[in-house]
N, C-alpha and C. Protein backbone atom coordinates (compact mmCIF):
# COMPACT_ATOMS: atom_id res chain seq x y z
N MET A 1 56.45 11.72 19.47
CA MET A 1 55.52 10.68 19.01
C MET A 1 55.73 10.42 17.52
N LYS A 2 55.69 9.16 17.12
CA LYS A 2 55.93 8.76 15.74
C LYS A 2 54.82 9.28 14.83
N TRP A 3 55.19 9.64 13.61
CA TRP A 3 54.25 10.28 12.68
C TRP A 3 53.04 9.41 12.36
N TYR A 4 53.25 8.11 12.23
CA TYR A 4 52.13 7.24 11.87
C TYR A 4 51.16 7.04 13.04
N ILE A 5 51.66 7.18 14.25
CA ILE A 5 50.77 7.12 15.41
C ILE A 5 49.93 8.39 15.49
N ILE A 6 50.55 9.52 15.13
CA ILE A 6 49.80 10.78 15.09
C ILE A 6 48.68 10.69 14.06
N ILE A 7 48.97 10.10 12.91
CA ILE A 7 47.95 9.92 11.87
C ILE A 7 46.83 9.01 12.39
N ALA A 8 47.20 7.95 13.08
CA ALA A 8 46.20 7.02 13.61
C ALA A 8 45.32 7.71 14.66
N LEU A 9 45.92 8.51 15.50
CA LEU A 9 45.16 9.25 16.52
C LEU A 9 44.21 10.25 15.86
N ALA A 10 44.67 10.91 14.81
CA ALA A 10 43.82 11.86 14.09
C ALA A 10 42.65 11.12 13.44
N ALA A 11 42.92 9.96 12.84
CA ALA A 11 41.87 9.16 12.22
C ALA A 11 40.86 8.70 13.26
N LEU A 12 41.34 8.30 14.42
CA LEU A 12 40.46 7.88 15.50
C LEU A 12 39.57 9.04 15.96
N ALA A 13 40.16 10.23 16.11
CA ALA A 13 39.40 11.40 16.55
C ALA A 13 38.32 11.76 15.54
N ILE A 14 38.67 11.74 14.26
CA ILE A 14 37.70 12.07 13.20
C ILE A 14 36.58 11.04 13.19
N SER A 15 36.93 9.76 13.29
CA SER A 15 35.95 8.69 13.27
C SER A 15 34.97 8.81 14.43
N VAL A 16 35.51 9.01 15.63
CA VAL A 16 34.66 9.13 16.82
C VAL A 16 33.76 10.36 16.72
N ALA A 17 34.30 11.47 16.23
CA ALA A 17 33.51 12.70 16.09
C ALA A 17 32.34 12.49 15.12
N MET A 18 32.60 11.84 14.00
CA MET A 18 31.55 11.60 13.00
C MET A 18 30.50 10.64 13.54
N LEU A 19 30.93 9.63 14.28
CA LEU A 19 29.98 8.69 14.87
C LEU A 19 29.14 9.36 15.95
N LEU A 20 29.75 10.28 16.70
CA LEU A 20 29.01 11.01 17.72
C LEU A 20 27.93 11.89 17.09
N ILE A 21 28.26 12.50 15.97
CA ILE A 21 27.26 13.31 15.25
C ILE A 21 26.09 12.45 14.82
N GLN A 22 26.39 11.25 14.28
CA GLN A 22 25.33 10.34 13.86
C GLN A 22 24.53 9.85 15.07
N LEU A 23 25.21 9.62 16.20
CA LEU A 23 24.53 9.19 17.41
C LEU A 23 23.56 10.27 17.90
N ILE A 24 24.00 11.51 17.89
CA ILE A 24 23.14 12.62 18.32
C ILE A 24 21.91 12.72 17.42
N LYS A 25 22.10 12.53 16.11
CA LYS A 25 20.97 12.57 15.18
C LYS A 25 19.98 11.44 15.47
N LEU A 26 20.51 10.26 15.77
CA LEU A 26 19.64 9.12 16.06
C LEU A 26 18.84 9.35 17.34
N ILE A 27 19.50 9.86 18.36
CA ILE A 27 18.83 10.12 19.63
C ILE A 27 17.79 11.23 19.46
N SER A 28 18.14 12.24 18.67
CA SER A 28 17.22 13.36 18.44
C SER A 28 15.96 12.92 17.69
N ALA A 29 16.11 11.88 16.86
CA ALA A 29 14.95 11.40 16.10
C ALA A 29 13.89 10.80 17.01
N GLY A 30 14.29 10.36 18.19
CA GLY A 30 13.34 9.83 19.17
C GLY A 30 12.83 8.45 18.82
N LYS A 31 11.74 8.07 19.46
CA LYS A 31 11.15 6.75 19.24
C LYS A 31 10.49 6.67 17.87
N PRO A 32 10.26 5.44 17.39
CA PRO A 32 9.56 5.29 16.10
C PRO A 32 8.19 5.95 16.15
N LYS A 33 7.82 6.63 15.05
CA LYS A 33 6.50 7.26 14.97
C LYS A 33 5.50 6.23 14.49
N ASP A 34 4.68 5.76 15.39
CA ASP A 34 3.71 4.72 15.07
C ASP A 34 2.38 5.10 15.73
N LEU A 35 1.39 5.48 14.92
CA LEU A 35 0.10 5.95 15.44
C LEU A 35 -0.93 4.83 15.58
N SER A 36 -0.55 3.61 15.20
CA SER A 36 -1.49 2.50 15.30
C SER A 36 -1.72 2.11 16.76
N LYS A 37 -2.85 1.51 17.03
CA LYS A 37 -3.19 1.07 18.39
C LYS A 37 -2.40 -0.18 18.73
N GLY A 38 -1.72 -0.14 19.86
CA GLY A 38 -0.91 -1.28 20.26
C GLY A 38 -1.72 -2.44 20.80
N SER A 39 -1.21 -3.64 20.59
CA SER A 39 -1.89 -4.83 21.10
C SER A 39 -0.91 -5.76 21.82
N GLY A 40 0.31 -5.27 22.07
CA GLY A 40 1.31 -6.10 22.72
C GLY A 40 2.13 -5.32 23.73
N ASN A 41 3.23 -5.92 24.15
CA ASN A 41 4.10 -5.34 25.16
C ASN A 41 5.39 -4.87 24.49
N ILE A 42 5.58 -3.56 24.41
CA ILE A 42 6.75 -3.01 23.73
C ILE A 42 8.04 -3.41 24.43
N SER A 43 8.07 -3.33 25.75
CA SER A 43 9.27 -3.66 26.52
C SER A 43 9.69 -5.11 26.28
N ALA A 44 8.69 -6.01 26.27
CA ALA A 44 8.99 -7.42 26.03
C ALA A 44 9.50 -7.63 24.61
N GLY A 45 8.93 -6.88 23.67
CA GLY A 45 9.38 -6.99 22.29
C GLY A 45 10.81 -6.52 22.11
N VAL A 46 11.16 -5.43 22.77
CA VAL A 46 12.52 -4.90 22.68
C VAL A 46 13.52 -5.87 23.34
N ALA A 47 13.12 -6.40 24.51
CA ALA A 47 13.99 -7.36 25.20
C ALA A 47 14.23 -8.59 24.33
N TYR A 48 13.17 -9.08 23.68
CA TYR A 48 13.27 -10.24 22.80
C TYR A 48 14.17 -9.94 21.61
N SER A 49 14.07 -8.71 21.09
CA SER A 49 14.86 -8.31 19.93
C SER A 49 16.36 -8.39 20.20
N TYR A 50 16.75 -8.08 21.44
CA TYR A 50 18.17 -8.09 21.80
C TYR A 50 18.65 -9.45 22.33
N THR A 51 17.74 -10.38 22.52
CA THR A 51 18.13 -11.67 23.11
C THR A 51 17.78 -12.84 22.18
N LYS A 52 16.64 -13.48 22.41
CA LYS A 52 16.29 -14.70 21.69
C LYS A 52 16.17 -14.47 20.18
N ALA A 53 15.75 -13.29 19.78
CA ALA A 53 15.61 -13.01 18.35
C ALA A 53 16.95 -13.00 17.63
N MET A 54 18.04 -12.90 18.39
CA MET A 54 19.37 -12.90 17.80
C MET A 54 19.88 -14.32 17.55
N SER A 55 19.18 -15.31 18.07
CA SER A 55 19.59 -16.71 17.87
C SER A 55 19.48 -17.08 16.40
N PRO A 56 20.44 -17.85 15.89
CA PRO A 56 20.36 -18.26 14.47
C PRO A 56 19.13 -19.09 14.18
N MET A 57 18.59 -19.77 15.19
CA MET A 57 17.42 -20.59 14.98
C MET A 57 16.14 -19.76 14.78
N GLU A 58 16.23 -18.48 15.11
CA GLU A 58 15.08 -17.59 14.95
C GLU A 58 15.13 -16.79 13.65
N LYS A 59 16.23 -16.98 12.89
CA LYS A 59 16.38 -16.21 11.67
C LYS A 59 16.61 -17.16 10.49
N GLU A 60 15.71 -17.09 9.53
CA GLU A 60 15.79 -18.00 8.38
C GLU A 60 17.10 -17.81 7.62
N SER A 61 17.55 -16.57 7.51
CA SER A 61 18.79 -16.30 6.78
C SER A 61 20.00 -16.89 7.49
N ALA A 62 19.84 -17.23 8.78
CA ALA A 62 20.94 -17.80 9.56
C ALA A 62 20.87 -19.32 9.62
N TYR A 63 19.72 -19.89 10.03
CA TYR A 63 19.68 -21.33 10.23
C TYR A 63 19.75 -22.12 8.92
N LEU A 64 19.49 -21.45 7.79
CA LEU A 64 19.64 -22.12 6.51
C LEU A 64 21.07 -22.01 5.98
N HIS A 65 21.89 -21.21 6.66
CA HIS A 65 23.28 -21.00 6.23
C HIS A 65 24.18 -20.95 7.47
N LEU A 66 24.13 -22.00 8.25
CA LEU A 66 24.86 -22.01 9.53
C LEU A 66 26.38 -21.84 9.37
N PRO A 67 27.02 -22.45 8.37
CA PRO A 67 28.48 -22.22 8.23
C PRO A 67 28.81 -20.74 8.01
N THR A 68 28.01 -20.06 7.19
CA THR A 68 28.23 -18.64 6.95
C THR A 68 27.97 -17.84 8.22
N TYR A 69 26.93 -18.23 8.95
CA TYR A 69 26.60 -17.54 10.21
C TYR A 69 27.77 -17.68 11.20
N ALA A 70 28.29 -18.91 11.31
CA ALA A 70 29.42 -19.14 12.22
C ALA A 70 30.64 -18.33 11.80
N ALA A 71 30.90 -18.31 10.49
CA ALA A 71 32.03 -17.53 9.98
C ALA A 71 31.83 -16.05 10.29
N GLY A 72 30.60 -15.59 10.16
CA GLY A 72 30.30 -14.18 10.46
C GLY A 72 30.53 -13.85 11.92
N MET A 73 30.16 -14.76 12.80
CA MET A 73 30.36 -14.53 14.24
C MET A 73 31.86 -14.45 14.56
N ILE A 74 32.64 -15.39 13.99
CA ILE A 74 34.09 -15.39 14.22
C ILE A 74 34.71 -14.13 13.64
N TYR A 75 34.22 -13.74 12.47
CA TYR A 75 34.71 -12.54 11.79
C TYR A 75 34.46 -11.29 12.65
N HIS A 76 33.24 -11.15 13.15
CA HIS A 76 32.91 -9.98 13.95
C HIS A 76 33.68 -9.97 15.28
N ALA A 77 33.89 -11.14 15.84
CA ALA A 77 34.69 -11.22 17.08
C ALA A 77 36.11 -10.72 16.81
N GLY A 78 36.65 -11.09 15.65
CA GLY A 78 37.98 -10.63 15.27
C GLY A 78 38.03 -9.13 15.04
N ILE A 79 36.95 -8.58 14.49
CA ILE A 79 36.88 -7.14 14.26
C ILE A 79 36.96 -6.38 15.58
N PHE A 80 36.11 -6.78 16.53
CA PHE A 80 36.07 -6.09 17.81
C PHE A 80 37.38 -6.29 18.59
N ALA A 81 37.96 -7.50 18.47
CA ALA A 81 39.24 -7.75 19.13
C ALA A 81 40.33 -6.86 18.54
N SER A 82 40.31 -6.67 17.22
CA SER A 82 41.31 -5.83 16.56
C SER A 82 41.18 -4.37 16.99
N LEU A 83 39.94 -3.89 17.10
CA LEU A 83 39.73 -2.51 17.54
C LEU A 83 40.18 -2.33 18.99
N LEU A 84 39.91 -3.33 19.82
CA LEU A 84 40.34 -3.26 21.22
C LEU A 84 41.87 -3.26 21.30
N LEU A 85 42.50 -4.11 20.51
CA LEU A 85 43.97 -4.16 20.50
C LEU A 85 44.55 -2.83 20.01
N PHE A 86 43.90 -2.21 19.05
CA PHE A 86 44.37 -0.91 18.55
C PHE A 86 44.39 0.11 19.69
N LEU A 87 43.32 0.13 20.49
CA LEU A 87 43.27 1.06 21.62
C LEU A 87 44.37 0.76 22.63
N LEU A 88 44.65 -0.53 22.83
CA LEU A 88 45.72 -0.90 23.76
C LEU A 88 47.09 -0.51 23.21
N PHE A 89 47.28 -0.75 21.91
CA PHE A 89 48.57 -0.40 21.29
C PHE A 89 48.82 1.10 21.35
N ILE A 90 47.81 1.87 20.99
CA ILE A 90 48.00 3.31 20.84
C ILE A 90 48.07 4.02 22.18
N SER A 91 47.50 3.40 23.21
CA SER A 91 47.54 4.00 24.55
C SER A 91 48.80 3.61 25.31
N SER A 92 49.45 2.53 24.83
CA SER A 92 50.68 2.03 25.46
C SER A 92 50.49 1.75 26.95
N LEU A 93 49.30 1.23 27.30
CA LEU A 93 49.02 0.94 28.71
C LEU A 93 49.91 -0.18 29.23
N PHE A 94 50.08 -1.20 28.42
CA PHE A 94 50.99 -2.29 28.80
C PHE A 94 51.38 -3.07 27.55
N GLU A 95 52.47 -3.80 27.66
CA GLU A 95 52.97 -4.57 26.53
C GLU A 95 52.42 -5.99 26.60
N ILE A 96 51.90 -6.45 25.47
CA ILE A 96 51.32 -7.80 25.42
C ILE A 96 52.46 -8.83 25.38
N PRO A 97 52.44 -9.81 26.28
CA PRO A 97 53.48 -10.85 26.28
C PRO A 97 53.56 -11.57 24.93
N GLN A 98 54.75 -12.01 24.57
CA GLN A 98 54.95 -12.62 23.27
C GLN A 98 54.07 -13.85 23.06
N GLY A 99 53.95 -14.68 24.09
CA GLY A 99 53.13 -15.89 23.95
C GLY A 99 51.69 -15.56 23.64
N ILE A 100 51.14 -14.57 24.33
CA ILE A 100 49.75 -14.16 24.11
C ILE A 100 49.62 -13.52 22.73
N SER A 101 50.64 -12.78 22.31
CA SER A 101 50.62 -12.14 20.99
C SER A 101 50.51 -13.19 19.88
N ILE A 102 51.26 -14.27 20.02
CA ILE A 102 51.24 -15.32 18.99
C ILE A 102 49.87 -15.99 18.94
N ILE A 103 49.32 -16.29 20.12
CA ILE A 103 47.99 -16.93 20.17
C ILE A 103 46.92 -16.00 19.60
N ALA A 104 46.96 -14.73 20.03
CA ALA A 104 45.98 -13.75 19.56
C ALA A 104 46.12 -13.55 18.04
N GLY A 105 47.35 -13.51 17.56
CA GLY A 105 47.57 -13.35 16.13
C GLY A 105 47.02 -14.51 15.33
N ALA A 106 47.22 -15.72 15.85
CA ALA A 106 46.71 -16.92 15.16
C ALA A 106 45.18 -16.90 15.10
N ILE A 107 44.55 -16.48 16.20
CA ILE A 107 43.09 -16.40 16.23
C ILE A 107 42.59 -15.36 15.23
N LEU A 108 43.30 -14.24 15.15
CA LEU A 108 42.91 -13.19 14.21
C LEU A 108 43.09 -13.64 12.75
N VAL A 109 44.09 -14.45 12.50
CA VAL A 109 44.26 -14.99 11.14
C VAL A 109 43.04 -15.82 10.76
N ILE A 110 42.55 -16.63 11.69
CA ILE A 110 41.35 -17.44 11.44
C ILE A 110 40.16 -16.52 11.17
N SER A 111 40.04 -15.46 11.98
CA SER A 111 38.96 -14.50 11.80
C SER A 111 39.04 -13.83 10.43
N GLY A 112 40.27 -13.45 10.04
CA GLY A 112 40.45 -12.82 8.74
C GLY A 112 40.11 -13.76 7.59
N LEU A 113 40.45 -15.04 7.74
CA LEU A 113 40.11 -16.03 6.71
C LEU A 113 38.59 -16.17 6.59
N CYS A 114 37.89 -16.07 7.71
CA CYS A 114 36.42 -16.10 7.68
C CYS A 114 35.90 -14.90 6.90
N GLY A 115 36.54 -13.74 7.11
CA GLY A 115 36.14 -12.55 6.37
C GLY A 115 36.37 -12.72 4.87
N LEU A 116 37.50 -13.32 4.51
CA LEU A 116 37.78 -13.57 3.09
C LEU A 116 36.77 -14.54 2.49
N ALA A 117 36.39 -15.56 3.28
CA ALA A 117 35.42 -16.54 2.80
C ALA A 117 34.07 -15.88 2.54
N ILE A 118 33.68 -14.98 3.44
CA ILE A 118 32.40 -14.27 3.27
C ILE A 118 32.47 -13.36 2.04
N LEU A 119 33.60 -12.69 1.85
CA LEU A 119 33.78 -11.84 0.69
C LEU A 119 33.75 -12.66 -0.60
N PHE A 120 34.41 -13.81 -0.59
CA PHE A 120 34.44 -14.69 -1.76
C PHE A 120 33.04 -15.20 -2.09
N LYS A 121 32.27 -15.54 -1.06
CA LYS A 121 30.90 -16.00 -1.27
C LYS A 121 30.07 -14.91 -1.91
N ARG A 122 30.29 -13.67 -1.50
CA ARG A 122 29.54 -12.55 -2.08
C ARG A 122 29.87 -12.41 -3.56
N PHE A 123 31.11 -12.72 -3.93
CA PHE A 123 31.54 -12.63 -5.32
C PHE A 123 30.90 -13.72 -6.18
N ILE A 124 30.90 -14.95 -5.67
CA ILE A 124 30.51 -16.08 -6.52
C ILE A 124 29.02 -16.39 -6.47
N ASN A 125 28.32 -15.94 -5.41
CA ASN A 125 26.89 -16.21 -5.30
C ASN A 125 26.11 -15.15 -6.06
N ALA A 126 25.39 -15.58 -7.09
CA ALA A 126 24.68 -14.62 -7.95
C ALA A 126 23.66 -13.80 -7.16
N GLY A 127 22.95 -14.46 -6.23
CA GLY A 127 21.95 -13.75 -5.44
C GLY A 127 22.56 -12.66 -4.58
N LEU A 128 23.64 -13.00 -3.87
CA LEU A 128 24.32 -12.01 -3.03
C LEU A 128 24.96 -10.91 -3.87
N ARG A 129 25.52 -11.32 -5.01
CA ARG A 129 26.19 -10.35 -5.88
C ARG A 129 25.19 -9.31 -6.41
N SER A 130 23.97 -9.74 -6.69
CA SER A 130 22.97 -8.82 -7.21
C SER A 130 22.51 -7.80 -6.16
N LEU A 131 22.68 -8.16 -4.88
CA LEU A 131 22.28 -7.27 -3.80
C LEU A 131 23.43 -6.42 -3.27
N SER A 132 24.62 -6.64 -3.79
CA SER A 132 25.82 -5.99 -3.27
C SER A 132 26.21 -4.77 -4.08
N GLY A 133 26.70 -3.77 -3.36
CA GLY A 133 27.23 -2.58 -4.01
C GLY A 133 28.69 -2.41 -3.64
N ALA A 134 29.30 -1.35 -4.13
CA ALA A 134 30.72 -1.10 -3.86
C ALA A 134 30.99 -1.02 -2.36
N ASP A 135 30.06 -0.44 -1.61
CA ASP A 135 30.22 -0.28 -0.17
C ASP A 135 30.42 -1.63 0.52
N ASP A 136 29.65 -2.64 0.09
CA ASP A 136 29.76 -3.97 0.70
C ASP A 136 31.17 -4.53 0.54
N TYR A 137 31.71 -4.40 -0.65
CA TYR A 137 33.04 -4.95 -0.92
C TYR A 137 34.14 -4.14 -0.23
N ILE A 138 34.01 -2.83 -0.27
CA ILE A 138 35.03 -1.98 0.37
C ILE A 138 35.04 -2.21 1.87
N SER A 139 33.86 -2.25 2.49
CA SER A 139 33.77 -2.42 3.94
C SER A 139 34.37 -3.76 4.37
N ASN A 140 34.01 -4.82 3.64
CA ASN A 140 34.54 -6.14 3.96
C ASN A 140 36.06 -6.18 3.76
N PHE A 141 36.52 -5.63 2.63
CA PHE A 141 37.94 -5.68 2.31
C PHE A 141 38.78 -4.93 3.34
N LEU A 142 38.37 -3.71 3.67
CA LEU A 142 39.14 -2.90 4.63
C LEU A 142 39.16 -3.53 6.01
N THR A 143 38.00 -4.05 6.43
CA THR A 143 37.93 -4.67 7.75
C THR A 143 38.78 -5.93 7.82
N THR A 144 38.70 -6.75 6.79
CA THR A 144 39.51 -7.98 6.75
C THR A 144 40.99 -7.65 6.69
N LEU A 145 41.33 -6.64 5.92
CA LEU A 145 42.73 -6.22 5.81
C LEU A 145 43.25 -5.74 7.16
N ALA A 146 42.41 -5.02 7.90
CA ALA A 146 42.81 -4.52 9.22
C ALA A 146 43.02 -5.67 10.20
N ILE A 147 42.20 -6.71 10.10
CA ILE A 147 42.38 -7.87 10.97
C ILE A 147 43.71 -8.56 10.68
N PHE A 148 44.01 -8.75 9.40
CA PHE A 148 45.29 -9.37 9.03
C PHE A 148 46.48 -8.47 9.43
N ALA A 149 46.30 -7.16 9.30
CA ALA A 149 47.36 -6.24 9.68
C ALA A 149 47.62 -6.30 11.19
N THR A 150 46.55 -6.44 11.95
CA THR A 150 46.70 -6.57 13.40
C THR A 150 47.47 -7.85 13.75
N ALA A 151 47.10 -8.94 13.06
CA ALA A 151 47.81 -10.21 13.29
C ALA A 151 49.28 -10.08 12.92
N ALA A 152 49.55 -9.41 11.80
CA ALA A 152 50.93 -9.24 11.36
C ALA A 152 51.74 -8.44 12.38
N PHE A 153 51.12 -7.41 12.95
CA PHE A 153 51.80 -6.59 13.94
C PHE A 153 52.06 -7.37 15.23
N LEU A 154 51.13 -8.28 15.56
CA LEU A 154 51.34 -9.13 16.73
C LEU A 154 52.50 -10.11 16.51
N PHE A 155 52.67 -10.52 15.27
CA PHE A 155 53.76 -11.45 14.93
C PHE A 155 55.09 -10.74 14.72
N PHE A 156 55.04 -9.59 14.03
CA PHE A 156 56.28 -8.90 13.62
C PHE A 156 56.19 -7.41 13.95
N GLU A 157 57.12 -6.92 14.73
CA GLU A 157 57.17 -5.49 15.05
C GLU A 157 57.44 -4.65 13.81
N GLN A 158 58.08 -5.24 12.81
CA GLN A 158 58.41 -4.51 11.60
C GLN A 158 57.16 -4.08 10.81
N ALA A 159 56.01 -4.68 11.15
CA ALA A 159 54.76 -4.36 10.44
C ALA A 159 54.07 -3.14 11.06
N GLU A 160 54.73 -2.47 12.00
CA GLU A 160 54.09 -1.40 12.77
C GLU A 160 53.55 -0.27 11.89
N VAL A 161 54.37 0.24 10.98
CA VAL A 161 53.94 1.37 10.15
C VAL A 161 52.75 0.97 9.27
N LEU A 162 52.89 -0.16 8.59
CA LEU A 162 51.82 -0.65 7.72
C LEU A 162 50.54 -0.86 8.52
N TYR A 163 50.67 -1.41 9.72
CA TYR A 163 49.52 -1.67 10.59
C TYR A 163 48.77 -0.38 10.89
N TYR A 164 49.47 0.64 11.34
CA TYR A 164 48.81 1.89 11.72
C TYR A 164 48.18 2.59 10.51
N MET A 165 48.80 2.47 9.36
CA MET A 165 48.24 3.09 8.16
C MET A 165 46.94 2.41 7.74
N ILE A 166 46.93 1.08 7.77
CA ILE A 166 45.74 0.34 7.38
C ILE A 166 44.59 0.60 8.35
N VAL A 167 44.88 0.56 9.63
CA VAL A 167 43.84 0.81 10.63
C VAL A 167 43.32 2.24 10.53
N SER A 168 44.20 3.19 10.20
CA SER A 168 43.77 4.58 10.04
C SER A 168 42.76 4.71 8.90
N VAL A 169 43.02 4.02 7.81
CA VAL A 169 42.08 4.05 6.67
C VAL A 169 40.74 3.44 7.09
N LEU A 170 40.78 2.33 7.81
CA LEU A 170 39.54 1.71 8.27
C LEU A 170 38.76 2.65 9.19
N LEU A 171 39.45 3.29 10.13
CA LEU A 171 38.79 4.20 11.06
C LEU A 171 38.08 5.33 10.33
N LEU A 172 38.71 5.86 9.28
CA LEU A 172 38.09 6.93 8.51
C LEU A 172 36.90 6.42 7.71
N TRP A 173 36.93 5.14 7.35
CA TRP A 173 35.85 4.57 6.55
C TRP A 173 34.64 4.18 7.42
N ILE A 174 34.88 3.82 8.66
CA ILE A 174 33.80 3.29 9.52
C ILE A 174 32.55 4.18 9.53
N PRO A 175 32.66 5.49 9.76
CA PRO A 175 31.43 6.31 9.79
C PRO A 175 30.85 6.62 8.42
N LEU A 176 31.55 6.23 7.36
CA LEU A 176 31.10 6.53 6.00
C LEU A 176 30.42 5.35 5.32
N GLY A 177 30.94 4.15 5.57
CA GLY A 177 30.42 2.96 4.90
C GLY A 177 29.45 2.17 5.76
N LYS A 178 29.16 0.96 5.31
CA LYS A 178 28.25 0.10 6.06
C LYS A 178 28.85 -0.36 7.38
N THR A 179 30.14 -0.12 7.54
CA THR A 179 30.78 -0.44 8.81
C THR A 179 30.18 0.38 9.97
N ARG A 180 29.47 1.45 9.66
CA ARG A 180 28.85 2.24 10.72
C ARG A 180 27.67 1.52 11.37
N HIS A 181 27.38 0.32 10.88
CA HIS A 181 26.30 -0.43 11.54
C HIS A 181 26.70 -0.86 12.95
N LEU A 182 27.99 -0.69 13.32
CA LEU A 182 28.38 -0.94 14.70
C LEU A 182 27.66 0.03 15.64
N LEU A 183 27.21 1.16 15.09
CA LEU A 183 26.40 2.12 15.84
C LEU A 183 24.91 1.91 15.58
N TYR A 184 24.54 1.78 14.32
CA TYR A 184 23.13 1.70 13.95
C TYR A 184 22.49 0.38 14.35
N PHE A 185 23.30 -0.65 14.55
CA PHE A 185 22.79 -1.97 14.92
C PHE A 185 21.87 -1.89 16.14
N PHE A 186 22.31 -1.18 17.18
CA PHE A 186 21.57 -1.14 18.43
C PHE A 186 20.24 -0.41 18.26
N PHE A 187 20.23 0.63 17.45
CA PHE A 187 18.99 1.37 17.21
C PHE A 187 18.05 0.56 16.32
N ALA A 188 18.62 -0.17 15.36
CA ALA A 188 17.79 -1.00 14.49
C ALA A 188 17.10 -2.11 15.28
N ARG A 189 17.83 -2.73 16.21
CA ARG A 189 17.23 -3.78 17.03
C ARG A 189 16.13 -3.21 17.92
N TYR A 190 16.35 -1.99 18.42
CA TYR A 190 15.32 -1.36 19.26
C TYR A 190 14.06 -1.09 18.45
N HIS A 191 14.23 -0.56 17.25
CA HIS A 191 13.07 -0.25 16.41
C HIS A 191 12.30 -1.52 16.04
N LEU A 192 13.03 -2.60 15.75
CA LEU A 192 12.36 -3.87 15.45
C LEU A 192 11.55 -4.34 16.65
N GLY A 193 12.17 -4.32 17.82
CA GLY A 193 11.47 -4.74 19.03
C GLY A 193 10.27 -3.88 19.34
N TYR A 194 10.42 -2.57 19.12
CA TYR A 194 9.31 -1.63 19.36
C TYR A 194 8.15 -1.95 18.42
N PHE A 195 8.47 -2.10 17.14
CA PHE A 195 7.44 -2.33 16.11
C PHE A 195 6.69 -3.64 16.34
N PHE A 196 7.44 -4.73 16.45
CA PHE A 196 6.79 -6.03 16.59
C PHE A 196 6.24 -6.25 18.00
N GLY A 197 6.86 -5.63 19.00
CA GLY A 197 6.34 -5.74 20.36
C GLY A 197 5.00 -5.05 20.49
N LYS A 198 4.86 -3.88 19.89
CA LYS A 198 3.61 -3.14 19.96
C LYS A 198 2.47 -3.90 19.30
N ARG A 199 2.79 -4.66 18.27
CA ARG A 199 1.78 -5.44 17.55
C ARG A 199 1.54 -6.81 18.16
N GLY A 200 2.27 -7.14 19.20
CA GLY A 200 2.07 -8.42 19.86
C GLY A 200 2.69 -9.59 19.13
N THR A 201 3.56 -9.28 18.15
CA THR A 201 4.21 -10.35 17.37
C THR A 201 5.44 -10.88 18.10
N TRP A 202 6.18 -9.97 18.72
CA TRP A 202 7.33 -10.34 19.53
C TRP A 202 7.04 -10.05 20.99
N PRO A 203 7.45 -10.90 21.93
CA PRO A 203 7.98 -12.25 21.68
C PRO A 203 6.87 -13.19 21.24
N PRO A 204 7.23 -14.30 20.56
CA PRO A 204 6.21 -15.27 20.14
C PRO A 204 5.42 -15.76 21.36
N LYS A 205 4.19 -16.15 21.11
CA LYS A 205 3.28 -16.54 22.22
C LYS A 205 3.88 -17.63 23.08
N SER A 206 4.67 -18.53 22.49
CA SER A 206 5.24 -19.64 23.25
C SER A 206 6.25 -19.15 24.29
N LEU A 207 6.76 -17.89 24.10
CA LEU A 207 7.77 -17.35 25.00
C LEU A 207 7.21 -16.32 25.96
N LYS A 208 5.92 -15.99 25.83
CA LYS A 208 5.32 -14.99 26.70
C LYS A 208 4.96 -15.58 28.05
């Protein structure tokens, strides 16, 4: 086995192990501790949190910035596609046809450009810049770089070593930086649904 693939496998194992530890801690923490008297339906609130509440029209930060929201959706789709492709590459289950590789690579380039646009906006927007820390920039940069590296590997076999090295760095960063929200996202949505569902705020009365 090639040395850079061994490094990538080690990075994947470390990343998964660290995420599993965080998952166990989250599960062990149990449900939100809320001693107030409920006035709503928790199950309905949680269901709403994972469905209609995710619509951009339900979030002020989204519907007032629809181009950024759209770019974010494309960016995240590219992230998950890149991670899936990494698992396919490293498992050697099958070889991706050249035509599909070119199309997939082109789509990933668009996704990476969306990531760059979001990063650039964070730099130039004073409000976003004031709320941003090093983690925000590192997480965006590494993820965007990994998307472009995946596209490059789909286009050129010669990019193989560079691709595996970049993805290995991202994998090691995922459980350390804000990129770990790929795990915490689901628990955060549950807690929101639990909190607002118990108070009868979610789902809105028009949807009950």
